[in-house]
Amino acid sequence: MKRILQDERGMALAVAIFALVVIGALVAGAFFAGTQEQRVGENQRRVQTSFGVAEAGAQERVLNWDPATMNKRALYCPCAGGDSVAIANTPAVETGPALPGLSPVVAARASESG
């Protein structure tokens, strides 16, 4: 057993190589983390830019809205109340007192079910 402990020739080389491998792995990990952080930052910038462009487009549409030309649509069926889609078994006119914040049709359904 004493012979194994006394024979340490070449041990410094093994320790140095192991230390270089560990340091190399740490440096590679740091580079990888830095690259990922840069990619995340770039993607976040692109998301913010896209959101700004979409928000500007929506705002432009609202600011340039012309009710005389943009609110017209053809009725698909001339149902009572002017609804464009006929809903089966549902009256299109108000049958009871309207609930606050609800359309007459929704208020009629609510009064029928309640």
PDB file of N, CA and C in Angstrom:
ATOM      1  N   MET A   1       0.813  -1.180   0.000  1.00  0.00           N
ATOM      2  CA  MET A   1       0.000   0.000   0.000  1.00  0.00           C
ATOM      3  C   MET A   1       0.864   1.255   0.000  1.00  0.00           C
ATOM      4  N   LYS A   2       1.994   1.207   0.710  1.00  0.00           N
ATOM      5  CA  LYS A   2       2.872   2.366   0.743  1.00  0.00           C
ATOM      6  C   LYS A   2       3.498   2.611  -0.619  1.00  0.00           C
ATOM      7  N   ARG A   3       3.684   1.560  -1.380  1.00  0.00           N
ATOM      8  CA  ARG A   3       4.286   1.731  -2.696  1.00  0.00           C
ATOM      9  C   ARG A   3       3.352   2.533  -3.602  1.00  0.00           C
ATOM     10  N   ILE A   4       2.030   2.324  -3.542  1.00  0.00           N
ATOM     11  CA  ILE A   4       1.082   3.050  -4.380  1.00  0.00           C
ATOM     12  C   ILE A   4       1.070   4.526  -3.999  1.00  0.00           C
ATOM     13  N   LEU A   5       1.116   4.830  -2.719  1.00  0.00           N
ATOM     14  CA  LEU A   5       1.096   6.220  -2.278  1.00  0.00           C
ATOM     15  C   LEU A   5       2.407   6.933  -2.594  1.00  0.00           C
ATOM     16  N   GLN A   6       3.503   6.215  -2.579  1.00  0.00           N
ATOM     17  CA  GLN A   6       4.796   6.848  -2.833  1.00  0.00           C
ATOM     18  C   GLN A   6       5.048   7.042  -4.324  1.00  0.00           C
ATOM     19  N   ASP A   7       4.395   6.281  -5.169  1.00  0.00           N
ATOM     20  CA  ASP A   7       4.621   6.392  -6.601  1.00  0.00           C
ATOM     21  C   ASP A   7       3.620   7.391  -7.191  1.00  0.00           C
ATOM     22  N   GLU A   8       3.932   8.669  -7.129  1.00  0.00           N
ATOM     23  CA  GLU A   8       3.031   9.722  -7.599  1.00  0.00           C
ATOM     24  C   GLU A   8       3.521  10.386  -8.879  1.00  0.00           C
ATOM     25  N   ARG A   9       4.440   9.745  -9.561  1.00  0.00           N
ATOM     26  CA  ARG A   9       4.917  10.316 -10.805  1.00  0.00           C
ATOM     27  C   ARG A   9       3.796  10.296 -11.839  1.00  0.00           C
ATOM     28  N   GLY A  10       3.576  11.401 -12.556  1.00  0.00           N
ATOM     29  CA  GLY A  10       2.538  11.504 -13.567  1.00  0.00           C
ATOM     30  C   GLY A  10       1.194  11.968 -13.014  1.00  0.00           C
ATOM     31  N   MET A  11       1.104  12.092 -11.690  1.00  0.00           N
ATOM     32  CA  MET A  11      -0.160  12.521 -11.083  1.00  0.00           C
ATOM     33  C   MET A  11      -0.437  13.989 -11.386  1.00  0.00           C
ATOM     34  N   ALA A  12       0.566  14.808 -11.453  1.00  0.00           N
ATOM     35  CA  ALA A  12       0.383  16.232 -11.737  1.00  0.00           C
ATOM     36  C   ALA A  12      -0.199  16.421 -13.143  1.00  0.00           C
ATOM     37  N   LEU A  13       0.211  15.634 -14.076  1.00  0.00           N
ATOM     38  CA  LEU A  13      -0.308  15.717 -15.435  1.00  0.00           C
ATOM     39  C   LEU A  13      -1.797  15.360 -15.462  1.00  0.00           C
ATOM     40  N   ALA A  14      -2.190  14.314 -14.757  1.00  0.00           N
ATOM     41  CA  ALA A  14      -3.595  13.906 -14.719  1.00  0.00           C
ATOM     42  C   ALA A  14      -4.453  14.983 -14.058  1.00  0.00           C
ATOM     43  N   VAL A  15      -3.979  15.557 -12.965  1.00  0.00           N
ATOM     44  CA  VAL A  15      -4.729  16.611 -12.277  1.00  0.00           C
ATOM     45  C   VAL A  15      -4.835  17.845 -13.161  1.00  0.00           C
ATOM     46  N   ALA A  16      -3.776  18.206 -13.856  1.00  0.00           N
ATOM     47  CA  ALA A  16      -3.793  19.374 -14.733  1.00  0.00           C
ATOM     48  C   ALA A  16      -4.774  19.171 -15.895  1.00  0.00           C
ATOM     49  N   ILE A  17      -4.784  17.995 -16.479  1.00  0.00           N
ATOM     50  CA  ILE A  17      -5.710  17.721 -17.583  1.00  0.00           C
ATOM     51  C   ILE A  17      -7.151  17.750 -17.078  1.00  0.00           C
ATOM     52  N   PHE A  18      -7.401  17.154 -15.912  1.00  0.00           N
ATOM     53  CA  PHE A  18      -8.742  17.182 -15.331  1.00  0.00           C
ATOM     54  C   PHE A  18      -9.184  18.624 -15.046  1.00  0.00           C
ATOM     55  N   ALA A  19      -8.286  19.436 -14.519  1.00  0.00           N
ATOM     56  CA  ALA A  19      -8.615  20.840 -14.235  1.00  0.00           C
ATOM     57  C   ALA A  19      -8.914  21.593 -15.527  1.00  0.00           C
ATOM     58  N   LEU A  20      -8.152  21.336 -16.587  1.00  0.00           N
ATOM     59  CA  LEU A  20      -8.413  21.987 -17.870  1.00  0.00           C
ATOM     60  C   LEU A  20      -9.765  21.567 -18.438  1.00  0.00           C
ATOM     61  N   VAL A  21     -10.141  20.308 -18.286  1.00  0.00           N
ATOM     62  CA  VAL A  21     -11.442  19.846 -18.770  1.00  0.00           C
ATOM     63  C   VAL A  21     -12.561  20.536 -18.003  1.00  0.00           C
ATOM     64  N   VAL A  22     -12.419  20.633 -16.674  1.00  0.00           N
ATOM     65  CA  VAL A  22     -13.448  21.286 -15.862  1.00  0.00           C
ATOM     66  C   VAL A  22     -13.559  22.766 -16.228  1.00  0.00           C
ATOM     67  N   ILE A  23     -12.430  23.439 -16.352  1.00  0.00           N
ATOM     68  CA  ILE A  23     -12.450  24.864 -16.709  1.00  0.00           C
ATOM     69  C   ILE A  23     -13.017  25.050 -18.114  1.00  0.00           C
ATOM     70  N   GLY A  24     -12.672  24.175 -19.034  1.00  0.00           N
ATOM     71  CA  GLY A  24     -13.226  24.243 -20.391  1.00  0.00           C
ATOM     72  C   GLY A  24     -14.739  24.065 -20.399  1.00  0.00           C
ATOM     73  N   ALA A  25     -15.240  23.151 -19.574  1.00  0.00           N
ATOM     74  CA  ALA A  25     -16.688  22.949 -19.492  1.00  0.00           C
ATOM     75  C   ALA A  25     -17.368  24.189 -18.911  1.00  0.00           C
ATOM     76  N   LEU A  26     -16.769  24.799 -17.923  1.00  0.00           N
ATOM     77  CA  LEU A  26     -17.340  26.027 -17.348  1.00  0.00           C
ATOM     78  C   LEU A  26     -17.367  27.161 -18.372  1.00  0.00           C
ATOM     79  N   VAL A  27     -16.306  27.311 -19.130  1.00  0.00           N
ATOM     80  CA  VAL A  27     -16.256  28.361 -20.159  1.00  0.00           C
ATOM     81  C   VAL A  27     -17.285  28.077 -21.251  1.00  0.00           C
ATOM     82  N   ALA A  28     -17.396  26.826 -21.677  1.00  0.00           N
ATOM     83  CA  ALA A  28     -18.387  26.483 -22.700  1.00  0.00           C
ATOM     84  C   ALA A  28     -19.805  26.745 -22.181  1.00  0.00           C
ATOM     85  N   GLY A  29     -20.074  26.424 -20.935  1.00  0.00           N
ATOM     86  CA  GLY A  29     -21.378  26.701 -20.344  1.00  0.00           C
ATOM     87  C   GLY A  29     -21.675  28.188 -20.284  1.00  0.00           C
ATOM     88  N   ALA A  30     -20.659  28.982 -19.954  1.00  0.00           N
ATOM     89  CA  ALA A  30     -20.849  30.428 -19.918  1.00  0.00           C
ATOM     90  C   ALA A  30     -21.143  30.985 -21.310  1.00  0.00           C
ATOM     91  N   PHE A  31     -20.428  30.494 -22.314  1.00  0.00           N
ATOM     92  CA  PHE A  31     -20.706  30.930 -23.683  1.00  0.00           C
ATOM     93  C   PHE A  31     -22.116  30.534 -24.118  1.00  0.00           C
ATOM     94  N   PHE A  32     -22.538  29.321 -23.775  1.00  0.00           N
ATOM     95  CA  PHE A  32     -23.871  28.874 -24.133  1.00  0.00           C
ATOM     96  C   PHE A  32     -24.928  29.738 -23.459  1.00  0.00           C
ATOM     97  N   ALA A  33     -24.745  30.023 -22.175  1.00  0.00           N
ATOM     98  CA  ALA A  33     -25.714  30.856 -21.453  1.00  0.00           C
ATOM     99  C   ALA A  33     -25.777  32.257 -22.049  1.00  0.00           C
ATOM    100  N   GLY A  34     -24.634  32.806 -22.413  1.00  0.00           N
ATOM    101  CA  GLY A  34     -24.616  34.127 -23.038  1.00  0.00           C
ATOM    102  C   GLY A  34     -25.316  34.152 -24.380  1.00  0.00           C
ATOM    103  N   THR A  35     -25.103  33.111 -25.173  1.00  0.00           N
ATOM    104  CA  THR A  35     -25.754  33.028 -26.477  1.00  0.00           C
ATOM    105  C   THR A  35     -27.269  32.902 -26.316  1.00  0.00           C
ATOM    106  N   GLN A  36     -27.707  32.067 -25.372  1.00  0.00           N
ATOM    107  CA  GLN A  36     -29.144  31.921 -25.139  1.00  0.00           C
ATOM    108  C   GLN A  36     -29.762  33.229 -24.660  1.00  0.00           C
ATOM    109  N   GLU A  37     -29.070  33.930 -23.792  1.00  0.00           N
ATOM    110  CA  GLU A  37     -29.579  35.215 -23.304  1.00  0.00           C
ATOM    111  C   GLU A  37     -29.721  36.219 -24.449  1.00  0.00           C
ATOM    112  N   GLN A  38     -28.768  36.205 -25.359  1.00  0.00           N
ATOM    113  CA  GLN A  38     -28.832  37.099 -26.511  1.00  0.00           C
ATOM    114  C   GLN A  38     -30.015  36.730 -27.410  1.00  0.00           C
ATOM    115  N   ARG A  39     -30.257  35.444 -27.619  1.00  0.00           N
ATOM    116  CA  ARG A  39     -31.388  35.019 -28.449  1.00  0.00           C
ATOM    117  C   ARG A  39     -32.719  35.394 -27.807  1.00  0.00           C
ATOM    118  N   VAL A  40     -32.822  35.202 -26.503  1.00  0.00           N
ATOM    119  CA  VAL A  40     -34.061  35.552 -25.808  1.00  0.00           C
ATOM    120  C   VAL A  40     -34.316  37.051 -25.911  1.00  0.00           C
ATOM    121  N   GLY A  41     -33.278  37.845 -25.735  1.00  0.00           N
ATOM    122  CA  GLY A  41     -33.426  39.295 -25.855  1.00  0.00           C
ATOM    123  C   GLY A  41     -33.861  39.725 -27.250  1.00  0.00           C
ATOM    124  N   GLU A  42     -33.285  39.117 -28.255  1.00  0.00           N
ATOM    125  CA  GLU A  42     -33.653  39.448 -29.635  1.00  0.00           C
ATOM    126  C   GLU A  42     -35.105  39.055 -29.927  1.00  0.00           C
ATOM    127  N   ASN A  43     -35.505  37.880 -29.458  1.00  0.00           N
ATOM    128  CA  ASN A  43     -36.886  37.451 -29.665  1.00  0.00           C
ATOM    129  C   ASN A  43     -37.863  38.372 -28.933  1.00  0.00           C
ATOM    130  N   GLN A  44     -37.508  38.805 -27.734  1.00  0.00           N
ATOM    131  CA  GLN A  44     -38.375  39.713 -26.990  1.00  0.00           C
ATOM    132  C   GLN A  44     -38.506  41.048 -27.719  1.00  0.00           C
ATOM    133  N   ARG A  45     -37.416  41.520 -28.296  1.00  0.00           N
ATOM    134  CA  ARG A  45     -37.469  42.767 -29.058  1.00  0.00           C
ATOM    135  C   ARG A  45     -38.383  42.618 -30.268  1.00  0.00           C
ATOM    136  N   ARG A  46     -38.297  41.478 -30.945  1.00  0.00           N
ATOM    137  CA  ARG A  46     -39.165  41.242 -32.106  1.00  0.00           C
ATOM    138  C   ARG A  46     -40.631  41.169 -31.700  1.00  0.00           C
ATOM    139  N   VAL A  47     -40.915  40.548 -30.566  1.00  0.00           N
ATOM    140  CA  VAL A  47     -42.297  40.468 -30.090  1.00  0.00           C
ATOM    141  C   VAL A  47     -42.835  41.862 -29.805  1.00  0.00           C
ATOM    142  N   GLN A  48     -42.052  42.689 -29.146  1.00  0.00           N
ATOM    143  CA  GLN A  48     -42.491  44.045 -28.831  1.00  0.00           C
ATOM    144  C   GLN A  48     -42.711  44.861 -30.107  1.00  0.00           C
ATOM    145  N   THR A  49     -41.823  44.693 -31.079  1.00  0.00           N
ATOM    146  CA  THR A  49     -41.987  45.404 -32.346  1.00  0.00           C
ATOM    147  C   THR A  49     -43.257  44.952 -33.061  1.00  0.00           C
ATOM    148  N   SER A  50     -43.490  43.654 -33.104  1.00  0.00           N
ATOM    149  CA  SER A  50     -44.691  43.127 -33.761  1.00  0.00           C
ATOM    150  C   SER A  50     -45.954  43.620 -33.067  1.00  0.00           C
ATOM    151  N   PHE A  51     -45.944  43.614 -31.742  1.00  0.00           N
ATOM    152  CA  PHE A  51     -47.104  44.090 -31.003  1.00  0.00           C
ATOM    153  C   PHE A  51     -47.353  45.565 -31.281  1.00  0.00           C
ATOM    154  N   GLY A  52     -46.285  46.355 -31.344  1.00  0.00           N
ATOM    155  CA  GLY A  52     -46.436  47.783 -31.647  1.00  0.00           C
ATOM    156  C   GLY A  52     -47.012  48.016 -33.027  1.00  0.00           C
ATOM    157  N   VAL A  53     -46.566  47.248 -34.002  1.00  0.00           N
ATOM    158  CA  VAL A  53     -47.085  47.390 -35.363  1.00  0.00           C
ATOM    159  C   VAL A  53     -48.563  46.996 -35.413  1.00  0.00           C
ATOM    160  N   ALA A  54     -48.918  45.901 -34.746  1.00  0.00           N
ATOM    161  CA  ALA A  54     -50.319  45.474 -34.729  1.00  0.00           C
ATOM    162  C   ALA A  54     -51.197  46.503 -34.021  1.00  0.00           C
ATOM    163  N   GLU A  55     -50.702  47.049 -32.925  1.00  0.00           N
ATOM    164  CA  GLU A  55     -51.464  48.057 -32.190  1.00  0.00           C
ATOM    165  C   GLU A  55     -51.641  49.318 -33.030  1.00  0.00           C
ATOM    166  N   ALA A  56     -50.599  49.716 -33.763  1.00  0.00           N
ATOM    167  CA  ALA A  56     -50.705  50.889 -34.625  1.00  0.00           C
ATOM    168  C   ALA A  56     -51.708  50.649 -35.753  1.00  0.00           C
ATOM    169  N   GLY A  57     -51.718  49.439 -36.321  1.00  0.00           N
ATOM    170  CA  GLY A  57     -52.683  49.125 -37.372  1.00  0.00           C
ATOM    171  C   GLY A  57     -54.112  49.172 -36.870  1.00  0.00           C
ATOM    172  N   ALA A  58     -54.337  48.631 -35.677  1.00  0.00           N
ATOM    173  CA  ALA A  58     -55.688  48.672 -35.104  1.00  0.00           C
ATOM    174  C   ALA A  58     -56.097  50.107 -34.798  1.00  0.00           C
ATOM    175  N   GLN A  59     -55.170  50.895 -34.284  1.00  0.00           N
ATOM    176  CA  GLN A  59     -55.487  52.284 -33.968  1.00  0.00           C
ATOM    177  C   GLN A  59     -55.776  53.076 -35.243  1.00  0.00           C
ATOM    178  N   GLU A  60     -55.025  52.825 -36.295  1.00  0.00           N
ATOM    179  CA  GLU A  60     -55.275  53.516 -37.558  1.00  0.00           C
ATOM    180  C   GLU A  60     -56.653  53.164 -38.108  1.00  0.00           C
ATOM    181  N   ARG A  61     -57.045  51.886 -37.999  1.00  0.00           N
ATOM    182  CA  ARG A  61     -58.354  51.476 -38.491  1.00  0.00           C
ATOM    183  C   ARG A  61     -59.467  52.172 -37.699  1.00  0.00           C
ATOM    184  N   VAL A  62     -59.305  52.276 -36.388  1.00  0.00           N
ATOM    185  CA  VAL A  62     -60.321  52.928 -35.557  1.00  0.00           C
ATOM    186  C   VAL A  62     -60.384  54.421 -35.851  1.00  0.00           C
ATOM    187  N   LEU A  63     -59.220  55.059 -36.028  1.00  0.00           N
ATOM    188  CA  LEU A  63     -59.199  56.497 -36.289  1.00  0.00           C
ATOM    189  C   LEU A  63     -59.783  56.840 -37.657  1.00  0.00           C
ATOM    190  N   ASN A  64     -59.606  55.965 -38.629  1.00  0.00           N
ATOM    191  CA  ASN A  64     -60.099  56.226 -39.981  1.00  0.00           C
ATOM    192  C   ASN A  64     -61.441  55.557 -40.255  1.00  0.00           C
ATOM    193  N   TRP A  65     -62.147  55.153 -39.205  1.00  0.00           N
ATOM    194  CA  TRP A  65     -63.421  54.445 -39.366  1.00  0.00           C
ATOM    195  C   TRP A  65     -64.474  55.392 -39.907  1.00  0.00           C
ATOM    196  N   ASP A  66     -65.143  54.979 -40.966  1.00  0.00           N
ATOM    197  CA  ASP A  66     -66.218  55.762 -41.557  1.00  0.00           C
ATOM    198  C   ASP A  66     -67.507  54.966 -41.420  1.00  0.00           C
ATOM    199  N   PRO A  67     -68.363  55.317 -40.461  1.00  0.00           N
ATOM    200  CA  PRO A  67     -69.574  54.532 -40.236  1.00  0.00           C
ATOM    201  C   PRO A  67     -70.502  54.495 -41.443  1.00  0.00           C
ATOM    202  N   ALA A  68     -70.447  55.519 -42.287  1.00  0.00           N
ATOM    203  CA  ALA A  68     -71.346  55.555 -43.437  1.00  0.00           C
ATOM    204  C   ALA A  68     -71.025  54.442 -44.437  1.00  0.00           C
ATOM    205  N   THR A  69     -69.775  54.068 -44.544  1.00  0.00           N
ATOM    206  CA  THR A  69     -69.408  53.049 -45.527  1.00  0.00           C
ATOM    207  C   THR A  69     -68.998  51.724 -44.901  1.00  0.00           C
ATOM    208  N   MET A  70     -68.507  51.725 -43.676  1.00  0.00           N
ATOM    209  CA  MET A  70     -67.968  50.493 -43.103  1.00  0.00           C
ATOM    210  C   MET A  70     -68.946  49.747 -42.213  1.00  0.00           C
ATOM    211  N   ASN A  71     -70.059  50.344 -41.864  1.00  0.00           N
ATOM    212  CA  ASN A  71     -71.018  49.663 -41.005  1.00  0.00           C
ATOM    213  C   ASN A  71     -72.138  48.989 -41.786  1.00  0.00           C
ATOM    214  N   LYS A  72     -72.092  49.051 -43.077  1.00  0.00           N
ATOM    215  CA  LYS A  72     -73.144  48.446 -43.885  1.00  0.00           C
ATOM    216  C   LYS A  72     -72.787  47.010 -44.212  1.00  0.00           C
ATOM    217  N   ARG A  73     -73.756  46.129 -44.038  1.00  0.00           N
ATOM    218  CA  ARG A  73     -73.585  44.750 -44.466  1.00  0.00           C
ATOM    219  C   ARG A  73     -74.934  44.234 -44.914  1.00  0.00           C
ATOM    220  N   ALA A  74     -74.913  43.333 -45.826  1.00  0.00           N
ATOM    221  CA  ALA A  74     -76.165  42.782 -46.340  1.00  0.00           C
ATOM    222  C   ALA A  74     -76.764  41.832 -45.314  1.00  0.00           C
ATOM    223  N   LEU A  75     -78.087  41.862 -45.220  1.00  0.00           N
ATOM    224  CA  LEU A  75     -78.771  40.937 -44.339  1.00  0.00           C
ATOM    225  C   LEU A  75     -78.967  39.623 -45.084  1.00  0.00           C
ATOM    226  N   TYR A  76     -78.653  38.536 -44.424  1.00  0.00           N
ATOM    227  CA  TYR A  76     -78.768  37.242 -45.073  1.00  0.00           C
ATOM    228  C   TYR A  76     -80.205  36.746 -45.069  1.00  0.00           C
ATOM    229  N   CYS A  77     -80.971  37.169 -44.075  1.00  0.00           N
ATOM    230  CA  CYS A  77     -82.393  36.856 -44.078  1.00  0.00           C
ATOM    231  C   CYS A  77     -83.131  38.035 -43.456  1.00  0.00           C
ATOM    232  N   PRO A  78     -84.240  38.428 -44.021  1.00  0.00           N
ATOM    233  CA  PRO A  78     -84.982  39.567 -43.450  1.00  0.00           C
ATOM    234  C   PRO A  78     -85.813  39.118 -42.245  1.00  0.00           C
ATOM    235  N   CYS A  79     -85.154  38.713 -41.183  1.00  0.00           N
ATOM    236  CA  CYS A  79     -85.841  38.232 -39.984  1.00  0.00           C
ATOM    237  C   CYS A  79     -86.384  39.415 -39.191  1.00  0.00           C
ATOM    238  N   ALA A  80     -87.310  39.135 -38.310  1.00  0.00           N
ATOM    239  CA  ALA A  80     -87.862  40.178 -37.455  1.00  0.00           C
ATOM    240  C   ALA A  80     -86.756  40.727 -36.568  1.00  0.00           C
ATOM    241  N   GLY A  81     -86.697  42.015 -36.431  1.00  0.00           N
ATOM    242  CA  GLY A  81     -85.663  42.637 -35.619  1.00  0.00           C
ATOM    243  C   GLY A  81     -84.388  42.933 -36.384  1.00  0.00           C
ATOM    244  N   GLY A  82     -84.326  42.509 -37.651  1.00  0.00           N
ATOM    245  CA  GLY A  82     -83.170  42.824 -38.474  1.00  0.00           C
ATOM    246  C   GLY A  82     -81.951  41.966 -38.210  1.00  0.00           C
ATOM    247  N   ASP A  83     -82.108  40.849 -37.548  1.00  0.00           N
ATOM    248  CA  ASP A  83     -80.972  39.991 -37.294  1.00  0.00           C
ATOM    249  C   ASP A  83     -80.534  39.334 -38.599  1.00  0.00           C
ATOM    250  N   SER A  84     -79.243  39.152 -38.777  1.00  0.00           N
ATOM    251  CA  SER A  84     -78.759  38.581 -40.024  1.00  0.00           C
ATOM    252  C   SER A  84     -78.753  37.065 -40.001  1.00  0.00           C
ATOM    253  N   VAL A  85     -78.912  36.456 -38.829  1.00  0.00           N
ATOM    254  CA  VAL A  85     -78.920  35.012 -38.720  1.00  0.00           C
ATOM    255  C   VAL A  85     -80.147  34.603 -37.923  1.00  0.00           C
ATOM    256  N   ALA A  86     -80.963  33.728 -38.483  1.00  0.00           N
ATOM    257  CA  ALA A  86     -82.156  33.267 -37.776  1.00  0.00           C
ATOM    258  C   ALA A  86     -81.756  32.218 -36.756  1.00  0.00           C
ATOM    259  N   ILE A  87     -82.172  32.399 -35.511  1.00  0.00           N
ATOM    260  CA  ILE A  87     -81.883  31.439 -34.461  1.00  0.00           C
ATOM    261  C   ILE A  87     -83.180  30.708 -34.161  1.00  0.00           C
ATOM    262  N   ALA A  88     -83.168  29.393 -34.277  1.00  0.00           N
ATOM    263  CA  ALA A  88     -84.381  28.600 -34.115  1.00  0.00           C
ATOM    264  C   ALA A  88     -84.902  28.699 -32.690  1.00  0.00           C
ATOM    265  N   ASN A  89     -86.224  28.765 -32.557  1.00  0.00           N
ATOM    266  CA  ASN A  89     -86.918  28.777 -31.274  1.00  0.00           C
ATOM    267  C   ASN A  89     -86.517  29.943 -30.374  1.00  0.00           C
ATOM    268  N   THR A  90     -86.116  31.034 -30.960  1.00  0.00           N
ATOM    269  CA  THR A  90     -85.747  32.208 -30.176  1.00  0.00           C
ATOM    270  C   THR A  90     -86.433  33.420 -30.774  1.00  0.00           C
ATOM    271  N   PRO A  91     -87.234  34.108 -30.007  1.00  0.00           N
ATOM    272  CA  PRO A  91     -87.857  35.321 -30.548  1.00  0.00           C
ATOM    273  C   PRO A  91     -86.806  36.396 -30.769  1.00  0.00           C
ATOM    274  N   ALA A  92     -86.934  37.111 -31.854  1.00  0.00           N
ATOM    275  CA  ALA A  92     -85.968  38.145 -32.185  1.00  0.00           C
ATOM    276  C   ALA A  92     -86.378  39.490 -31.619  1.00  0.00           C
ATOM    277  N   VAL A  93     -87.503  39.553 -30.950  1.00  0.00           N
ATOM    278  CA  VAL A  93     -87.945  40.815 -30.354  1.00  0.00           C
ATOM    279  C   VAL A  93     -87.907  40.661 -28.850  1.00  0.00           C
ATOM    280  N   GLU A  94     -87.850  41.769 -28.168  1.00  0.00           N
ATOM    281  CA  GLU A  94     -87.763  41.759 -26.716  1.00  0.00           C
ATOM    282  C   GLU A  94     -89.090  41.299 -26.127  1.00  0.00           C
ATOM    283  N   THR A  95     -89.054  40.307 -25.240  1.00  0.00           N
ATOM    284  CA  THR A  95     -90.283  39.783 -24.642  1.00  0.00           C
ATOM    285  C   THR A  95     -90.444  40.195 -23.194  1.00  0.00           C
ATOM    286  N   GLY A  96     -89.429  40.745 -22.611  1.00  0.00           N
ATOM    287  CA  GLY A  96     -89.521  41.146 -21.211  1.00  0.00           C
ATOM    288  C   GLY A  96     -88.616  42.327 -20.953  1.00  0.00           C
ATOM    289  N   PRO A  97     -88.488  42.736 -19.714  1.00  0.00           N
ATOM    290  CA  PRO A  97     -87.609  43.863 -19.421  1.00  0.00           C
ATOM    291  C   PRO A  97     -86.155  43.488 -19.696  1.00  0.00           C
ATOM    292  N   ALA A  98     -85.458  44.397 -20.320  1.00  0.00           N
ATOM    293  CA  ALA A  98     -84.061  44.137 -20.670  1.00  0.00           C
ATOM    294  C   ALA A  98     -83.202  44.190 -19.412  1.00  0.00           C
ATOM    295  N   LEU A  99     -82.298  43.233 -19.319  1.00  0.00           N
ATOM    296  CA  LEU A  99     -81.354  43.239 -18.219  1.00  0.00           C
ATOM    297  C   LEU A  99     -80.225  44.198 -18.567  1.00  0.00           C
ATOM    298  N   PRO A 100     -79.643  44.880 -17.582  1.00  0.00           N
ATOM    299  CA  PRO A 100     -78.574  45.846 -17.889  1.00  0.00           C
ATOM    300  C   PRO A 100     -77.396  45.182 -18.582  1.00  0.00           C
ATOM    301  N   GLY A 101     -76.966  45.748 -19.683  1.00  0.00           N
ATOM    302  CA  GLY A 101     -75.804  45.266 -20.400  1.00  0.00           C
ATOM    303  C   GLY A 101     -76.062  44.112 -21.349  1.00  0.00           C
ATOM    304  N   LEU A 102     -77.297  43.654 -21.497  1.00  0.00           N
ATOM    305  CA  LEU A 102     -77.592  42.541 -22.387  1.00  0.00           C
ATOM    306  C   LEU A 102     -78.432  43.008 -23.557  1.00  0.00           C
ATOM    307  N   SER A 103     -78.243  42.364 -24.700  1.00  0.00           N
ATOM    308  CA  SER A 103     -79.076  42.676 -25.853  1.00  0.00           C
ATOM    309  C   SER A 103     -80.480  42.136 -25.610  1.00  0.00           C
ATOM    310  N   PRO A 104     -81.481  42.615 -26.329  1.00  0.00           N
ATOM    311  CA  PRO A 104     -82.853  42.131 -26.108  1.00  0.00           C
ATOM    312  C   PRO A 104     -83.000  40.626 -26.290  1.00  0.00           C
ATOM    313  N   VAL A 105     -82.280  40.034 -27.257  1.00  0.00           N
ATOM    314  CA  VAL A 105     -82.402  38.599 -27.490  1.00  0.00           C
ATOM    315  C   VAL A 105     -81.832  37.835 -26.300  1.00  0.00           C
ATOM    316  N   VAL A 106     -80.680  38.273 -25.792  1.00  0.00           N
ATOM    317  CA  VAL A 106     -80.074  37.611 -24.646  1.00  0.00           C
ATOM    318  C   VAL A 106     -80.950  37.814 -23.419  1.00  0.00           C
ATOM    319  N   ALA A 107     -81.519  38.998 -23.267  1.00  0.00           N
ATOM    320  CA  ALA A 107     -82.409  39.255 -22.149  1.00  0.00           C
ATOM    321  C   ALA A 107     -83.654  38.382 -22.231  1.00  0.00           C
ATOM    322  N   ALA A 108     -84.176  38.158 -23.456  1.00  0.00           N
ATOM    323  CA  ALA A 108     -85.329  37.281 -23.617  1.00  0.00           C
ATOM    324  C   ALA A 108     -84.985  35.856 -23.238  1.00  0.00           C
ATOM    325  N   ARG A 109     -83.812  35.379 -23.633  1.00  0.00           N
ATOM    326  CA  ARG A 109     -83.394  34.027 -23.260  1.00  0.00           C
ATOM    327  C   ARG A 109     -83.220  33.911 -21.752  1.00  0.00           C
ATOM    328  N   ALA A 110     -82.648  34.948 -21.140  1.00  0.00           N
ATOM    329  CA  ALA A 110     -82.430  34.912 -19.691  1.00  0.00           C
ATOM    330  C   ALA A 110     -83.745  34.895 -18.944  1.00  0.00           C
ATOM    331  N   SER A 111     -84.754  35.649 -19.436  1.00  0.00           N
ATOM    332  CA  SER A 111     -86.028  35.670 -18.739  1.00  0.00           C
ATOM    333  C   SER A 111     -86.788  34.363 -18.953  1.00  0.00           C
ATOM    334  N   GLU A 112     -86.594  33.708 -20.097  1.00  0.00           N
ATOM    335  CA  GLU A 112     -87.257  32.426 -20.352  1.00  0.00           C
ATOM    336  C   GLU A 112     -86.669  31.324 -19.487  1.00  0.00           C
ATOM    337  N   SER A 113     -85.336  31.318 -19.326  1.00  0.00           N
ATOM    338  CA  SER A 113     -84.695  30.239 -18.574  1.00  0.00           C
ATOM    339  C   SER A 113     -84.788  30.474 -17.066  1.00  0.00           C
ATOM    340  N   GLY A 114     -84.974  31.711 -16.634  1.00  0.00           N
ATOM    341  CA  GLY A 114     -84.979  32.009 -15.202  1.00  0.00           C
ATOM    342  C   GLY A 114     -86.301  32.023 -14.647  1.00  0.00           C
TER     343      GLY A 114
END
